Amino acid sequence: MAENEPYSRSIYRFYPTEEELILFYLSNKLLNQRTCDIQRVIPVVHVYEHKPCHLPKLAGELCRGDTEQWFFFVPIQEREAQGGKPSRTTANGYWKATGSPAYVYSSENKVIGVKKTMVFYEGRSHNVKKTQWKMNEYRAIKEEIDNTNVVPVPKLQHELSLCRVYVVSGTTRAFDRRPLGIESMEMVHTEPTTRGASSSRNTLRKSDSHKHL
């Protein structure tokens, strides 16, 4: 694409791997670097203050035409900063965690973050129904584990998380594997990370505590 050629929203697709989401986008945002560029694909949104169906309209300006997935940086809630549990209740329902949190590994097999998957339930009290809306919440590792730790459990950076919101479609394509021929936009991602697709595996159990970064 030519340097000054305008980007077409009709052809632009954002296909970051989990490794890129954590090591490039989330890490740069936490360091307050490249914020203007990143804002165009991943804005800061308090997702729990909105109905899921309203979130696509709040996506980054370059991703609003996407019909598959949308990304947001979510600041820590005040109650969570004070040691409490975050509120995931919206005006029309709530987000509920499903399964156990999982480590996210880089292509070099190092733990780079933790991923939590949630499903949105619509309604209140006894009148609740499970919807097709899902969310992956990613948090970055704060510091590496050293050999002096008795129980080497990664410390997370809680001040900001990165969330991927999507609708279950029944397709088998993994979100973190970019289709052949699709590249990240140069303006946003000029410092490429390893192209190998990272993976989320090994749920956070005591049996995983021996793993090092």
N, C-alpha and C. Protein backbone atom coordinates (compact mmCIF):
# COMPACT_ATOMS: atom_id res chain seq x y z
N MET A 1 0.85 -1.20 0.00
CA MET A 1 0.00 0.00 0.00
C MET A 1 0.87 1.23 0.00
N ALA A 2 0.58 2.21 -0.85
CA ALA A 2 1.37 3.43 -0.95
C ALA A 2 1.33 4.17 0.37
N GLU A 3 2.40 4.97 0.60
CA GLU A 3 2.55 5.65 1.89
C GLU A 3 1.40 6.58 2.18
N ASN A 4 0.94 7.34 1.19
CA ASN A 4 -0.11 8.32 1.40
C ASN A 4 -1.48 7.84 0.97
N GLU A 5 -1.58 6.59 0.60
CA GLU A 5 -2.86 6.08 0.15
C GLU A 5 -3.81 5.92 1.32
N PRO A 6 -5.02 6.45 1.24
CA PRO A 6 -5.96 6.32 2.36
C PRO A 6 -6.34 4.87 2.59
N TYR A 7 -6.55 4.53 3.86
CA TYR A 7 -6.93 3.17 4.19
C TYR A 7 -8.41 2.98 3.95
N SER A 8 -8.76 1.91 3.32
CA SER A 8 -10.16 1.62 3.02
C SER A 8 -10.76 0.76 4.10
N ARG A 9 -11.83 1.22 4.74
CA ARG A 9 -12.46 0.44 5.79
C ARG A 9 -13.11 -0.82 5.24
N SER A 10 -13.42 -0.81 3.96
CA SER A 10 -14.09 -1.96 3.38
C SER A 10 -13.16 -3.15 3.23
N ILE A 11 -11.82 -2.93 3.19
CA ILE A 11 -10.89 -4.03 3.01
C ILE A 11 -10.01 -4.26 4.22
N TYR A 12 -10.03 -3.33 5.19
CA TYR A 12 -9.14 -3.47 6.33
C TYR A 12 -9.70 -4.49 7.32
N ARG A 13 -8.90 -5.46 7.68
CA ARG A 13 -9.27 -6.43 8.71
C ARG A 13 -8.14 -6.50 9.72
N PHE A 14 -8.50 -6.57 10.98
CA PHE A 14 -7.54 -6.57 12.08
C PHE A 14 -7.44 -7.99 12.63
N TYR A 15 -6.32 -8.67 12.36
CA TYR A 15 -6.15 -10.05 12.78
C TYR A 15 -4.90 -10.22 13.66
N PRO A 16 -4.88 -9.64 14.85
CA PRO A 16 -3.71 -9.80 15.72
C PRO A 16 -3.68 -11.17 16.38
N THR A 17 -2.49 -11.71 16.58
CA THR A 17 -2.37 -12.95 17.35
C THR A 17 -2.44 -12.59 18.84
N GLU A 18 -2.62 -13.60 19.68
CA GLU A 18 -2.63 -13.34 21.12
C GLU A 18 -1.28 -12.78 21.57
N GLU A 19 -0.21 -13.26 20.95
CA GLU A 19 1.12 -12.75 21.29
C GLU A 19 1.24 -11.27 20.95
N GLU A 20 0.72 -10.87 19.82
CA GLU A 20 0.76 -9.46 19.43
C GLU A 20 -0.13 -8.61 20.34
N LEU A 21 -1.29 -9.15 20.70
CA LEU A 21 -2.19 -8.40 21.58
C LEU A 21 -1.51 -8.04 22.89
N ILE A 22 -0.77 -8.99 23.45
CA ILE A 22 -0.15 -8.75 24.76
C ILE A 22 1.19 -8.04 24.65
N LEU A 23 2.09 -8.56 23.81
CA LEU A 23 3.45 -8.02 23.75
C LEU A 23 3.57 -6.71 23.00
N PHE A 24 2.67 -6.47 22.07
CA PHE A 24 2.75 -5.21 21.31
C PHE A 24 1.69 -4.21 21.77
N TYR A 25 0.43 -4.53 21.58
CA TYR A 25 -0.64 -3.56 21.84
C TYR A 25 -0.81 -3.26 23.33
N LEU A 26 -0.98 -4.29 24.15
CA LEU A 26 -1.19 -4.05 25.58
C LEU A 26 0.06 -3.49 26.24
N SER A 27 1.21 -4.03 25.89
CA SER A 27 2.46 -3.55 26.50
C SER A 27 2.72 -2.10 26.15
N ASN A 28 2.53 -1.72 24.89
CA ASN A 28 2.73 -0.32 24.50
C ASN A 28 1.73 0.61 25.19
N LYS A 29 0.50 0.15 25.33
CA LYS A 29 -0.51 0.98 25.99
C LYS A 29 -0.17 1.18 27.47
N LEU A 30 0.30 0.13 28.12
CA LEU A 30 0.69 0.24 29.52
C LEU A 30 1.86 1.19 29.71
N LEU A 31 2.72 1.26 28.70
CA LEU A 31 3.88 2.16 28.74
C LEU A 31 3.56 3.54 28.19
N ASN A 32 2.30 3.72 27.76
CA ASN A 32 1.85 5.00 27.19
C ASN A 32 2.64 5.35 25.93
N GLN A 33 2.87 4.36 25.10
CA GLN A 33 3.61 4.55 23.86
C GLN A 33 2.71 4.25 22.66
N ARG A 34 2.89 5.01 21.59
CA ARG A 34 2.16 4.83 20.33
C ARG A 34 0.65 4.86 20.54
N THR A 35 0.22 5.66 21.49
CA THR A 35 -1.20 5.65 21.88
C THR A 35 -2.13 6.11 20.76
N CYS A 36 -1.73 7.09 19.97
CA CYS A 36 -2.61 7.59 18.90
C CYS A 36 -2.84 6.53 17.84
N ASP A 37 -1.77 5.85 17.44
CA ASP A 37 -1.90 4.80 16.43
C ASP A 37 -2.75 3.64 16.95
N ILE A 38 -2.46 3.21 18.16
CA ILE A 38 -3.17 2.06 18.72
C ILE A 38 -4.63 2.38 18.97
N GLN A 39 -4.93 3.62 19.33
CA GLN A 39 -6.31 4.03 19.59
C GLN A 39 -7.21 3.80 18.38
N ARG A 40 -6.64 3.80 17.19
CA ARG A 40 -7.44 3.65 15.98
C ARG A 40 -7.95 2.23 15.80
N VAL A 41 -7.34 1.27 16.49
CA VAL A 41 -7.82 -0.11 16.40
C VAL A 41 -8.30 -0.65 17.74
N ILE A 42 -7.72 -0.13 18.84
CA ILE A 42 -8.13 -0.58 20.17
C ILE A 42 -8.32 0.64 21.08
N PRO A 43 -9.54 1.14 21.22
CA PRO A 43 -9.79 2.29 22.08
C PRO A 43 -9.97 1.87 23.54
N VAL A 44 -9.95 2.86 24.42
CA VAL A 44 -10.23 2.62 25.84
C VAL A 44 -11.73 2.75 26.05
N VAL A 45 -12.35 1.67 26.53
CA VAL A 45 -13.80 1.65 26.74
C VAL A 45 -14.11 0.88 28.02
N HIS A 46 -14.98 1.41 28.84
CA HIS A 46 -15.45 0.69 30.02
C HIS A 46 -16.55 -0.27 29.55
N VAL A 47 -16.15 -1.44 29.10
CA VAL A 47 -17.08 -2.34 28.43
C VAL A 47 -18.25 -2.78 29.32
N TYR A 48 -18.04 -2.83 30.62
CA TYR A 48 -19.10 -3.30 31.50
C TYR A 48 -20.18 -2.24 31.73
N GLU A 49 -19.99 -1.06 31.18
CA GLU A 49 -21.00 -0.02 31.28
C GLU A 49 -21.92 -0.02 30.05
N HIS A 50 -21.70 -0.97 29.14
CA HIS A 50 -22.45 -0.97 27.88
C HIS A 50 -23.05 -2.34 27.60
N LYS A 51 -24.16 -2.35 26.90
CA LYS A 51 -24.71 -3.60 26.41
C LYS A 51 -23.78 -4.14 25.33
N PRO A 52 -23.59 -5.46 25.24
CA PRO A 52 -22.69 -6.01 24.23
C PRO A 52 -23.02 -5.56 22.81
N CYS A 53 -24.30 -5.47 22.49
CA CYS A 53 -24.69 -5.10 21.12
C CYS A 53 -24.30 -3.67 20.77
N HIS A 54 -23.97 -2.85 21.78
CA HIS A 54 -23.55 -1.46 21.52
C HIS A 54 -22.03 -1.34 21.34
N LEU A 55 -21.30 -2.37 21.74
CA LEU A 55 -19.84 -2.29 21.70
C LEU A 55 -19.24 -2.18 20.30
N PRO A 56 -19.78 -2.86 19.27
CA PRO A 56 -19.18 -2.71 17.93
C PRO A 56 -19.11 -1.25 17.47
N LYS A 57 -20.07 -0.44 17.85
CA LYS A 57 -20.07 0.97 17.45
C LYS A 57 -19.01 1.77 18.20
N LEU A 58 -18.48 1.21 19.29
CA LEU A 58 -17.46 1.90 20.08
C LEU A 58 -16.06 1.42 19.75
N ALA A 59 -15.95 0.52 18.78
CA ALA A 59 -14.64 -0.02 18.40
C ALA A 59 -13.78 1.06 17.77
N GLY A 60 -12.50 0.75 17.58
CA GLY A 60 -11.59 1.70 16.94
C GLY A 60 -12.09 2.09 15.56
N GLU A 61 -11.78 3.29 15.14
CA GLU A 61 -12.32 3.82 13.88
C GLU A 61 -12.00 2.94 12.68
N LEU A 62 -10.90 2.21 12.72
CA LEU A 62 -10.54 1.36 11.60
C LEU A 62 -11.19 -0.02 11.66
N CYS A 63 -11.87 -0.32 12.77
CA CYS A 63 -12.44 -1.65 12.96
C CYS A 63 -13.95 -1.66 13.09
N ARG A 64 -14.59 -0.53 12.90
CA ARG A 64 -16.03 -0.49 13.12
C ARG A 64 -16.80 -1.25 12.06
N GLY A 65 -16.18 -1.52 10.93
CA GLY A 65 -16.86 -2.28 9.90
C GLY A 65 -16.73 -3.78 10.09
N ASP A 66 -15.95 -4.19 11.09
CA ASP A 66 -15.76 -5.62 11.33
C ASP A 66 -17.04 -6.22 11.90
N THR A 67 -17.39 -7.38 11.43
CA THR A 67 -18.60 -8.05 11.91
C THR A 67 -18.28 -9.28 12.75
N GLU A 68 -17.01 -9.47 13.07
CA GLU A 68 -16.59 -10.70 13.73
C GLU A 68 -16.05 -10.52 15.14
N GLN A 69 -15.22 -9.49 15.35
CA GLN A 69 -14.60 -9.29 16.65
C GLN A 69 -14.20 -7.84 16.83
N TRP A 70 -14.18 -7.40 18.10
CA TRP A 70 -13.87 -6.01 18.43
C TRP A 70 -12.99 -5.99 19.67
N PHE A 71 -12.05 -5.04 19.72
CA PHE A 71 -11.04 -5.01 20.79
C PHE A 71 -11.14 -3.72 21.59
N PHE A 72 -10.90 -3.84 22.91
CA PHE A 72 -10.97 -2.67 23.79
C PHE A 72 -9.96 -2.79 24.92
N PHE A 73 -9.39 -1.64 25.30
CA PHE A 73 -8.63 -1.57 26.53
C PHE A 73 -9.62 -1.22 27.63
N VAL A 74 -9.57 -1.95 28.74
CA VAL A 74 -10.52 -1.72 29.83
C VAL A 74 -9.75 -1.34 31.10
N PRO A 75 -9.93 -0.11 31.59
CA PRO A 75 -9.24 0.33 32.81
C PRO A 75 -9.74 -0.44 34.03
N ILE A 76 -8.91 -0.53 35.03
CA ILE A 76 -9.29 -1.19 36.26
C ILE A 76 -10.40 -0.40 36.95
N GLN A 77 -11.36 -1.10 37.52
CA GLN A 77 -12.45 -0.44 38.24
C GLN A 77 -11.96 0.00 39.62
N GLU A 78 -12.58 1.03 40.15
CA GLU A 78 -12.17 1.56 41.45
C GLU A 78 -12.28 0.50 42.55
N ARG A 79 -13.35 -0.27 42.53
CA ARG A 79 -13.54 -1.30 43.55
C ARG A 79 -12.47 -2.38 43.46
N GLU A 80 -12.02 -2.68 42.23
CA GLU A 80 -10.97 -3.67 42.04
C GLU A 80 -9.63 -3.13 42.50
N ALA A 81 -9.39 -1.84 42.26
CA ALA A 81 -8.14 -1.20 42.69
C ALA A 81 -8.02 -1.20 44.21
N GLN A 82 -9.17 -1.23 44.88
CA GLN A 82 -9.17 -1.23 46.35
C GLN A 82 -9.19 -2.64 46.93
N GLY A 83 -9.01 -3.63 46.08
CA GLY A 83 -8.91 -5.00 46.54
C GLY A 83 -10.17 -5.83 46.39
N GLY A 84 -11.23 -5.25 45.84
CA GLY A 84 -12.47 -5.98 45.67
C GLY A 84 -12.55 -6.67 44.32
N LYS A 85 -13.66 -7.33 44.08
CA LYS A 85 -13.88 -8.00 42.81
C LYS A 85 -14.51 -7.03 41.81
N PRO A 86 -14.14 -7.11 40.54
CA PRO A 86 -14.73 -6.21 39.54
C PRO A 86 -16.20 -6.53 39.33
N SER A 87 -16.98 -5.51 39.00
CA SER A 87 -18.39 -5.70 38.67
C SER A 87 -18.52 -5.90 37.18
N ARG A 88 -19.13 -7.00 36.78
CA ARG A 88 -19.31 -7.29 35.36
C ARG A 88 -20.79 -7.27 35.01
N THR A 89 -21.56 -6.49 35.74
CA THR A 89 -22.99 -6.37 35.50
C THR A 89 -23.27 -5.16 34.62
N THR A 90 -24.09 -5.35 33.59
CA THR A 90 -24.47 -4.26 32.70
C THR A 90 -25.95 -3.93 32.93
N ALA A 91 -26.46 -3.01 32.11
CA ALA A 91 -27.86 -2.59 32.26
C ALA A 91 -28.84 -3.71 31.93
N ASN A 92 -28.42 -4.67 31.11
CA ASN A 92 -29.36 -5.71 30.68
C ASN A 92 -28.89 -7.13 30.98
N GLY A 93 -27.85 -7.29 31.80
CA GLY A 93 -27.37 -8.62 32.11
C GLY A 93 -26.01 -8.60 32.79
N TYR A 94 -25.23 -9.65 32.56
CA TYR A 94 -23.92 -9.72 33.21
C TYR A 94 -23.01 -10.67 32.45
N TRP A 95 -21.69 -10.44 32.60
CA TRP A 95 -20.67 -11.30 32.03
C TRP A 95 -20.24 -12.32 33.09
N LYS A 96 -20.20 -13.58 32.71
CA LYS A 96 -19.83 -14.64 33.65
C LYS A 96 -18.64 -15.42 33.11
N ALA A 97 -17.64 -15.61 33.97
CA ALA A 97 -16.45 -16.37 33.56
C ALA A 97 -16.82 -17.82 33.30
N THR A 98 -16.19 -18.39 32.29
CA THR A 98 -16.41 -19.79 31.96
C THR A 98 -15.06 -20.50 31.92
N GLY A 99 -14.98 -21.64 32.56
CA GLY A 99 -13.71 -22.34 32.62
C GLY A 99 -12.73 -21.66 33.57
N SER A 100 -11.49 -22.08 33.50
CA SER A 100 -10.43 -21.53 34.35
C SER A 100 -9.56 -20.57 33.55
N PRO A 101 -8.98 -19.56 34.22
CA PRO A 101 -8.02 -18.70 33.52
C PRO A 101 -6.88 -19.54 32.96
N ALA A 102 -6.30 -19.10 31.86
CA ALA A 102 -5.23 -19.86 31.22
C ALA A 102 -4.04 -18.96 30.94
N TYR A 103 -2.85 -19.55 31.03
CA TYR A 103 -1.65 -18.82 30.63
C TYR A 103 -1.69 -18.59 29.12
N VAL A 104 -1.13 -17.48 28.69
CA VAL A 104 -0.91 -17.23 27.26
C VAL A 104 0.60 -17.33 27.05
N TYR A 105 0.99 -18.17 26.10
CA TYR A 105 2.40 -18.40 25.82
C TYR A 105 2.82 -17.70 24.53
N SER A 106 4.05 -17.24 24.51
CA SER A 106 4.61 -16.67 23.28
C SER A 106 5.07 -17.80 22.37
N SER A 107 5.51 -17.45 21.18
CA SER A 107 6.02 -18.45 20.24
C SER A 107 7.34 -19.03 20.74
N GLU A 108 7.94 -18.37 21.76
CA GLU A 108 9.17 -18.88 22.37
C GLU A 108 8.87 -19.68 23.63
N ASN A 109 7.57 -19.99 23.82
CA ASN A 109 7.12 -20.82 24.92
C ASN A 109 7.34 -20.18 26.29
N LYS A 110 7.22 -18.86 26.35
CA LYS A 110 7.30 -18.14 27.62
C LYS A 110 5.92 -17.63 28.00
N VAL A 111 5.63 -17.62 29.29
CA VAL A 111 4.36 -17.08 29.75
C VAL A 111 4.40 -15.57 29.60
N ILE A 112 3.44 -15.02 28.85
CA ILE A 112 3.41 -13.57 28.64
C ILE A 112 2.15 -12.92 29.20
N GLY A 113 1.18 -13.73 29.59
CA GLY A 113 -0.05 -13.15 30.12
C GLY A 113 -1.03 -14.21 30.56
N VAL A 114 -2.20 -13.75 30.97
CA VAL A 114 -3.27 -14.64 31.40
C VAL A 114 -4.54 -14.27 30.66
N LYS A 115 -5.28 -15.28 30.25
CA LYS A 115 -6.51 -15.08 29.49
C LYS A 115 -7.70 -15.66 30.25
N LYS A 116 -8.76 -14.87 30.33
CA LYS A 116 -9.99 -15.33 30.96
C LYS A 116 -11.11 -15.19 29.94
N THR A 117 -11.93 -16.23 29.80
CA THR A 117 -13.04 -16.21 28.86
C THR A 117 -14.36 -16.02 29.60
N MET A 118 -15.22 -15.17 29.05
CA MET A 118 -16.52 -14.89 29.67
C MET A 118 -17.64 -14.98 28.65
N VAL A 119 -18.83 -15.30 29.14
CA VAL A 119 -20.04 -15.37 28.33
C VAL A 119 -21.04 -14.38 28.89
N PHE A 120 -21.81 -13.74 28.00
CA PHE A 120 -22.79 -12.76 28.47
C PHE A 120 -24.15 -13.42 28.66
N TYR A 121 -24.73 -13.18 29.83
CA TYR A 121 -26.08 -13.66 30.15
C TYR A 121 -27.02 -12.47 30.22
N GLU A 122 -28.12 -12.57 29.52
CA GLU A 122 -29.09 -11.48 29.45
C GLU A 122 -30.22 -11.72 30.44
N GLY A 123 -30.61 -10.65 31.15
CA GLY A 123 -31.72 -10.78 32.09
C GLY A 123 -31.27 -10.65 33.53
N ARG A 124 -32.22 -10.85 34.43
CA ARG A 124 -31.97 -10.73 35.85
C ARG A 124 -32.66 -11.86 36.61
N SER A 125 -32.15 -12.15 37.77
CA SER A 125 -32.76 -13.11 38.68
C SER A 125 -33.01 -14.45 37.99
N HIS A 126 -34.27 -14.91 37.99
CA HIS A 126 -34.59 -16.23 37.44
C HIS A 126 -34.85 -16.18 35.93
N ASN A 127 -34.96 -14.98 35.39
CA ASN A 127 -35.25 -14.83 33.97
C ASN A 127 -33.96 -14.48 33.22
N VAL A 128 -33.07 -15.45 33.13
CA VAL A 128 -31.76 -15.23 32.53
C VAL A 128 -31.55 -16.20 31.37
N LYS A 129 -30.97 -15.70 30.29
CA LYS A 129 -30.66 -16.60 29.17
C LYS A 129 -29.25 -16.32 28.66
N LYS A 130 -28.59 -17.41 28.32
CA LYS A 130 -27.22 -17.33 27.79
C LYS A 130 -27.27 -16.81 26.37
N THR A 131 -26.37 -15.88 26.04
CA THR A 131 -26.35 -15.31 24.70
C THR A 131 -25.14 -15.84 23.92
N GLN A 132 -25.01 -15.38 22.68
CA GLN A 132 -23.89 -15.77 21.82
C GLN A 132 -22.69 -14.84 21.98
N TRP A 133 -22.81 -13.84 22.86
CA TRP A 133 -21.72 -12.89 23.07
C TRP A 133 -20.67 -13.49 24.01
N LYS A 134 -19.40 -13.40 23.59
CA LYS A 134 -18.30 -13.89 24.42
C LYS A 134 -17.20 -12.84 24.48
N MET A 135 -16.34 -13.00 25.47
CA MET A 135 -15.24 -12.06 25.65
C MET A 135 -14.00 -12.79 26.15
N ASN A 136 -12.85 -12.45 25.58
CA ASN A 136 -11.56 -12.91 26.10
C ASN A 136 -10.89 -11.71 26.76
N GLU A 137 -10.56 -11.85 28.02
CA GLU A 137 -9.87 -10.77 28.74
C GLU A 137 -8.41 -11.16 28.92
N TYR A 138 -7.50 -10.28 28.47
CA TYR A 138 -6.07 -10.54 28.55
C TYR A 138 -5.42 -9.57 29.53
N ARG A 139 -4.56 -10.11 30.38
CA ARG A 139 -3.75 -9.28 31.28
C ARG A 139 -2.29 -9.66 31.09
N ALA A 140 -1.43 -8.66 31.13
CA ALA A 140 0.00 -8.88 30.91
C ALA A 140 0.71 -9.27 32.20
N ILE A 141 1.84 -9.96 32.05
CA ILE A 141 2.68 -10.32 33.19
C ILE A 141 3.44 -9.07 33.65
N LYS A 142 3.48 -8.88 34.95
CA LYS A 142 4.14 -7.69 35.51
C LYS A 142 5.65 -7.83 35.55
N GLU A 143 6.10 -9.00 35.96
CA GLU A 143 7.55 -9.21 36.06
C GLU A 143 7.84 -10.69 35.90
N GLU A 144 9.06 -10.97 35.51
CA GLU A 144 9.44 -12.36 35.31
C GLU A 144 9.61 -13.06 36.64
N ILE A 145 9.45 -14.37 36.62
CA ILE A 145 9.63 -15.18 37.81
C ILE A 145 11.11 -15.49 37.95
N ASP A 146 11.64 -15.31 39.14
CA ASP A 146 13.05 -15.67 39.34
C ASP A 146 13.13 -16.93 40.19
N ASN A 147 14.32 -17.46 40.31
CA ASN A 147 14.50 -18.75 40.98
C ASN A 147 14.40 -18.66 42.50
N THR A 148 14.28 -17.44 43.03
CA THR A 148 14.18 -17.28 44.48
C THR A 148 12.76 -17.45 44.97
N ASN A 149 11.79 -17.41 44.06
CA ASN A 149 10.39 -17.55 44.47
C ASN A 149 10.09 -18.99 44.88
N VAL A 150 9.47 -19.14 46.04
CA VAL A 150 9.09 -20.46 46.50
C VAL A 150 7.97 -21.01 45.64
N VAL A 151 6.96 -20.17 45.39
CA VAL A 151 5.85 -20.54 44.51
C VAL A 151 5.83 -19.53 43.37
N PRO A 152 6.49 -19.83 42.26
CA PRO A 152 6.63 -18.87 41.16
C PRO A 152 5.36 -18.67 40.36
N VAL A 153 4.46 -17.84 40.87
CA VAL A 153 3.22 -17.53 40.17
C VAL A 153 3.36 -16.14 39.56
N PRO A 154 3.09 -15.98 38.26
CA PRO A 154 3.25 -14.68 37.60
C PRO A 154 2.41 -13.59 38.26
N LYS A 155 3.00 -12.41 38.40
CA LYS A 155 2.26 -11.25 38.89
C LYS A 155 1.71 -10.50 37.67
N LEU A 156 0.46 -10.09 37.74
CA LEU A 156 -0.19 -9.47 36.60
C LEU A 156 -0.27 -7.97 36.74
N GLN A 157 -0.34 -7.30 35.60
CA GLN A 157 -0.57 -5.86 35.57
C GLN A 157 -2.07 -5.64 35.48
N HIS A 158 -2.64 -5.20 36.59
CA HIS A 158 -4.10 -5.11 36.68
C HIS A 158 -4.65 -3.74 36.28
N GLU A 159 -3.78 -2.74 36.10
CA GLU A 159 -4.31 -1.40 35.84
C GLU A 159 -5.03 -1.28 34.50
N LEU A 160 -4.75 -2.21 33.61
CA LEU A 160 -5.40 -2.16 32.29
C LEU A 160 -5.44 -3.57 31.71
N SER A 161 -6.59 -3.95 31.19
CA SER A 161 -6.70 -5.23 30.49
C SER A 161 -7.08 -4.97 29.04
N LEU A 162 -6.91 -5.99 28.20
CA LEU A 162 -7.30 -5.89 26.80
C LEU A 162 -8.38 -6.95 26.57
N CYS A 163 -9.53 -6.54 26.05
CA CYS A 163 -10.64 -7.46 25.86
C CYS A 163 -10.98 -7.61 24.38
N ARG A 164 -11.20 -8.84 23.98
CA ARG A 164 -11.68 -9.18 22.65
C ARG A 164 -13.14 -9.61 22.79
N VAL A 165 -14.05 -8.87 22.18
CA VAL A 165 -15.48 -9.19 22.24
C VAL A 165 -15.88 -9.77 20.89
N TYR A 166 -16.65 -10.84 20.91
CA TYR A 166 -17.06 -11.46 19.67
C TYR A 166 -18.37 -12.21 19.85
N VAL A 167 -18.97 -12.60 18.75
CA VAL A 167 -20.20 -13.37 18.75
C VAL A 167 -19.89 -14.77 18.27
N VAL A 168 -20.35 -15.77 19.01
CA VAL A 168 -20.11 -17.16 18.62
C VAL A 168 -20.78 -17.42 17.29
N SER A 169 -20.00 -17.90 16.32
CA SER A 169 -20.54 -18.09 14.97
C SER A 169 -20.57 -19.55 14.54
N GLY A 170 -19.91 -20.41 15.29
CA GLY A 170 -19.87 -21.82 14.92
C GLY A 170 -18.73 -22.16 13.99
N THR A 171 -17.93 -21.16 13.58
CA THR A 171 -16.79 -21.43 12.72
C THR A 171 -15.66 -22.02 13.54
N THR A 172 -14.76 -22.72 12.89
CA THR A 172 -13.66 -23.38 13.59
C THR A 172 -12.37 -22.58 13.54
N ARG A 173 -12.36 -21.44 12.85
CA ARG A 173 -11.11 -20.66 12.74
C ARG A 173 -10.73 -20.08 14.08
N ALA A 174 -9.49 -20.30 14.50
CA ALA A 174 -8.99 -19.72 15.74
C ALA A 174 -8.77 -18.23 15.53
N PHE A 175 -9.22 -17.43 16.47
CA PHE A 175 -9.10 -15.98 16.33
C PHE A 175 -7.64 -15.53 16.29
N ASP A 176 -6.77 -16.27 16.95
CA ASP A 176 -5.39 -15.80 17.03
C ASP A 176 -4.53 -16.31 15.88
N ARG A 177 -5.15 -16.84 14.83
CA ARG A 177 -4.38 -17.26 13.66
C ARG A 177 -4.84 -16.46 12.45
N ARG A 178 -3.98 -15.55 12.02
CA ARG A 178 -4.33 -14.66 10.93
C ARG A 178 -4.40 -15.44 9.62
N PRO A 179 -5.47 -15.27 8.82
CA PRO A 179 -5.58 -15.96 7.54
C PRO A 179 -4.42 -15.63 6.61
N LEU A 180 -4.07 -16.54 5.75
CA LEU A 180 -2.97 -16.32 4.81
C LEU A 180 -3.25 -15.11 3.94
N GLY A 181 -2.22 -14.29 3.72
CA GLY A 181 -2.37 -13.13 2.85
C GLY A 181 -2.83 -11.89 3.57
N ILE A 182 -3.16 -12.00 4.88
CA ILE A 182 -3.61 -10.83 5.63
C ILE A 182 -2.49 -10.36 6.52
N GLU A 183 -2.13 -9.12 6.41
CA GLU A 183 -1.07 -8.56 7.24
C GLU A 183 -1.63 -7.44 8.10
N SER A 184 -0.99 -7.21 9.26
CA SER A 184 -1.39 -6.09 10.11
C SER A 184 -1.03 -4.79 9.40
N MET A 185 -1.81 -3.74 9.64
CA MET A 185 -1.56 -2.46 9.00
C MET A 185 -0.21 -1.89 9.45
N GLU A 186 0.62 -1.46 8.50
CA GLU A 186 1.95 -1.00 8.81
C GLU A 186 1.94 0.17 9.78
N MET A 187 1.00 1.10 9.62
CA MET A 187 0.97 2.28 10.46
C MET A 187 0.81 1.89 11.92
N VAL A 188 0.05 0.84 12.16
CA VAL A 188 -0.22 0.44 13.54
C VAL A 188 0.84 -0.51 14.05
N HIS A 189 1.36 -1.35 13.17
CA HIS A 189 2.25 -2.41 13.63
C HIS A 189 3.52 -2.43 12.78
N THR A 190 4.43 -1.50 13.04
CA THR A 190 5.65 -1.41 12.25
C THR A 190 6.80 -2.17 12.90
N GLU A 191 6.58 -2.67 14.11
CA GLU A 191 7.62 -3.45 14.77
C GLU A 191 7.08 -4.87 14.94
N PRO A 192 7.16 -5.69 13.89
CA PRO A 192 6.52 -7.01 13.93
C PRO A 192 7.11 -7.92 15.00
N THR A 193 6.24 -8.67 15.63
CA THR A 193 6.68 -9.69 16.56
C THR A 193 6.79 -11.00 15.80
N THR A 194 7.19 -12.03 16.46
CA THR A 194 7.31 -13.33 15.81
C THR A 194 5.97 -13.74 15.22
N ARG A 195 5.96 -14.22 14.01
CA ARG A 195 4.72 -14.54 13.32
C ARG A 195 4.07 -15.84 13.79
N GLY A 196 4.82 -16.66 14.50
CA GLY A 196 4.23 -17.92 14.95
C GLY A 196 3.07 -17.64 15.88
N ALA A 197 2.00 -18.37 15.70
CA ALA A 197 0.81 -18.14 16.52
C ALA A 197 1.07 -18.62 17.93
N SER A 198 0.74 -17.76 18.89
CA SER A 198 0.89 -18.14 20.28
C SER A 198 -0.32 -18.96 20.69
N SER A 199 -0.29 -19.46 21.91
CA SER A 199 -1.41 -20.27 22.36
C SER A 199 -1.71 -20.01 23.82
N SER A 200 -2.96 -20.28 24.19
CA SER A 200 -3.37 -20.21 25.58
C SER A 200 -3.58 -21.64 26.04
N ARG A 201 -2.84 -22.04 27.03
CA ARG A 201 -2.99 -23.40 27.50
C ARG A 201 -2.57 -23.47 28.97
N ASN A 202 -2.68 -24.64 29.55
CA ASN A 202 -2.31 -24.87 30.94
C ASN A 202 -3.05 -23.93 31.87
N THR A 203 -4.25 -24.31 32.25
CA THR A 203 -5.03 -23.49 33.15
C THR A 203 -4.27 -23.29 34.44
N LEU A 204 -4.57 -22.18 35.13
CA LEU A 204 -3.79 -21.78 36.29
C LEU A 204 -4.11 -22.66 37.49
N ARG A 205 -3.42 -23.77 37.57
CA ARG A 205 -3.58 -24.67 38.70
C ARG A 205 -2.25 -24.73 39.44
N LYS A 206 -2.26 -25.30 40.63
CA LYS A 206 -1.03 -25.42 41.40
C LYS A 206 0.00 -26.26 40.66
N SER A 207 -0.48 -27.17 39.84
CA SER A 207 0.44 -28.03 39.12
C SER A 207 1.23 -27.28 38.07
N ASP A 208 0.78 -26.05 37.74
CA ASP A 208 1.49 -25.24 36.73
C ASP A 208 2.49 -24.28 37.38
N SER A 209 2.57 -24.27 38.70
CA SER A 209 3.38 -23.26 39.37
C SER A 209 4.87 -23.43 39.14
N HIS A 210 5.31 -24.55 38.58
CA HIS A 210 6.73 -24.76 38.35
C HIS A 210 7.19 -24.12 37.07
N LYS A 211 6.25 -23.66 36.23
CA LYS A 211 6.64 -23.11 34.92
C LYS A 211 7.28 -21.73 35.11
N HIS A 212 8.34 -21.48 34.35
CA HIS A 212 9.03 -20.20 34.40
C HIS A 212 8.82 -19.48 33.08
N LEU A 213 9.04 -18.16 33.15
CA LEU A 213 8.93 -17.38 31.92
C LEU A 213 10.12 -17.67 31.04
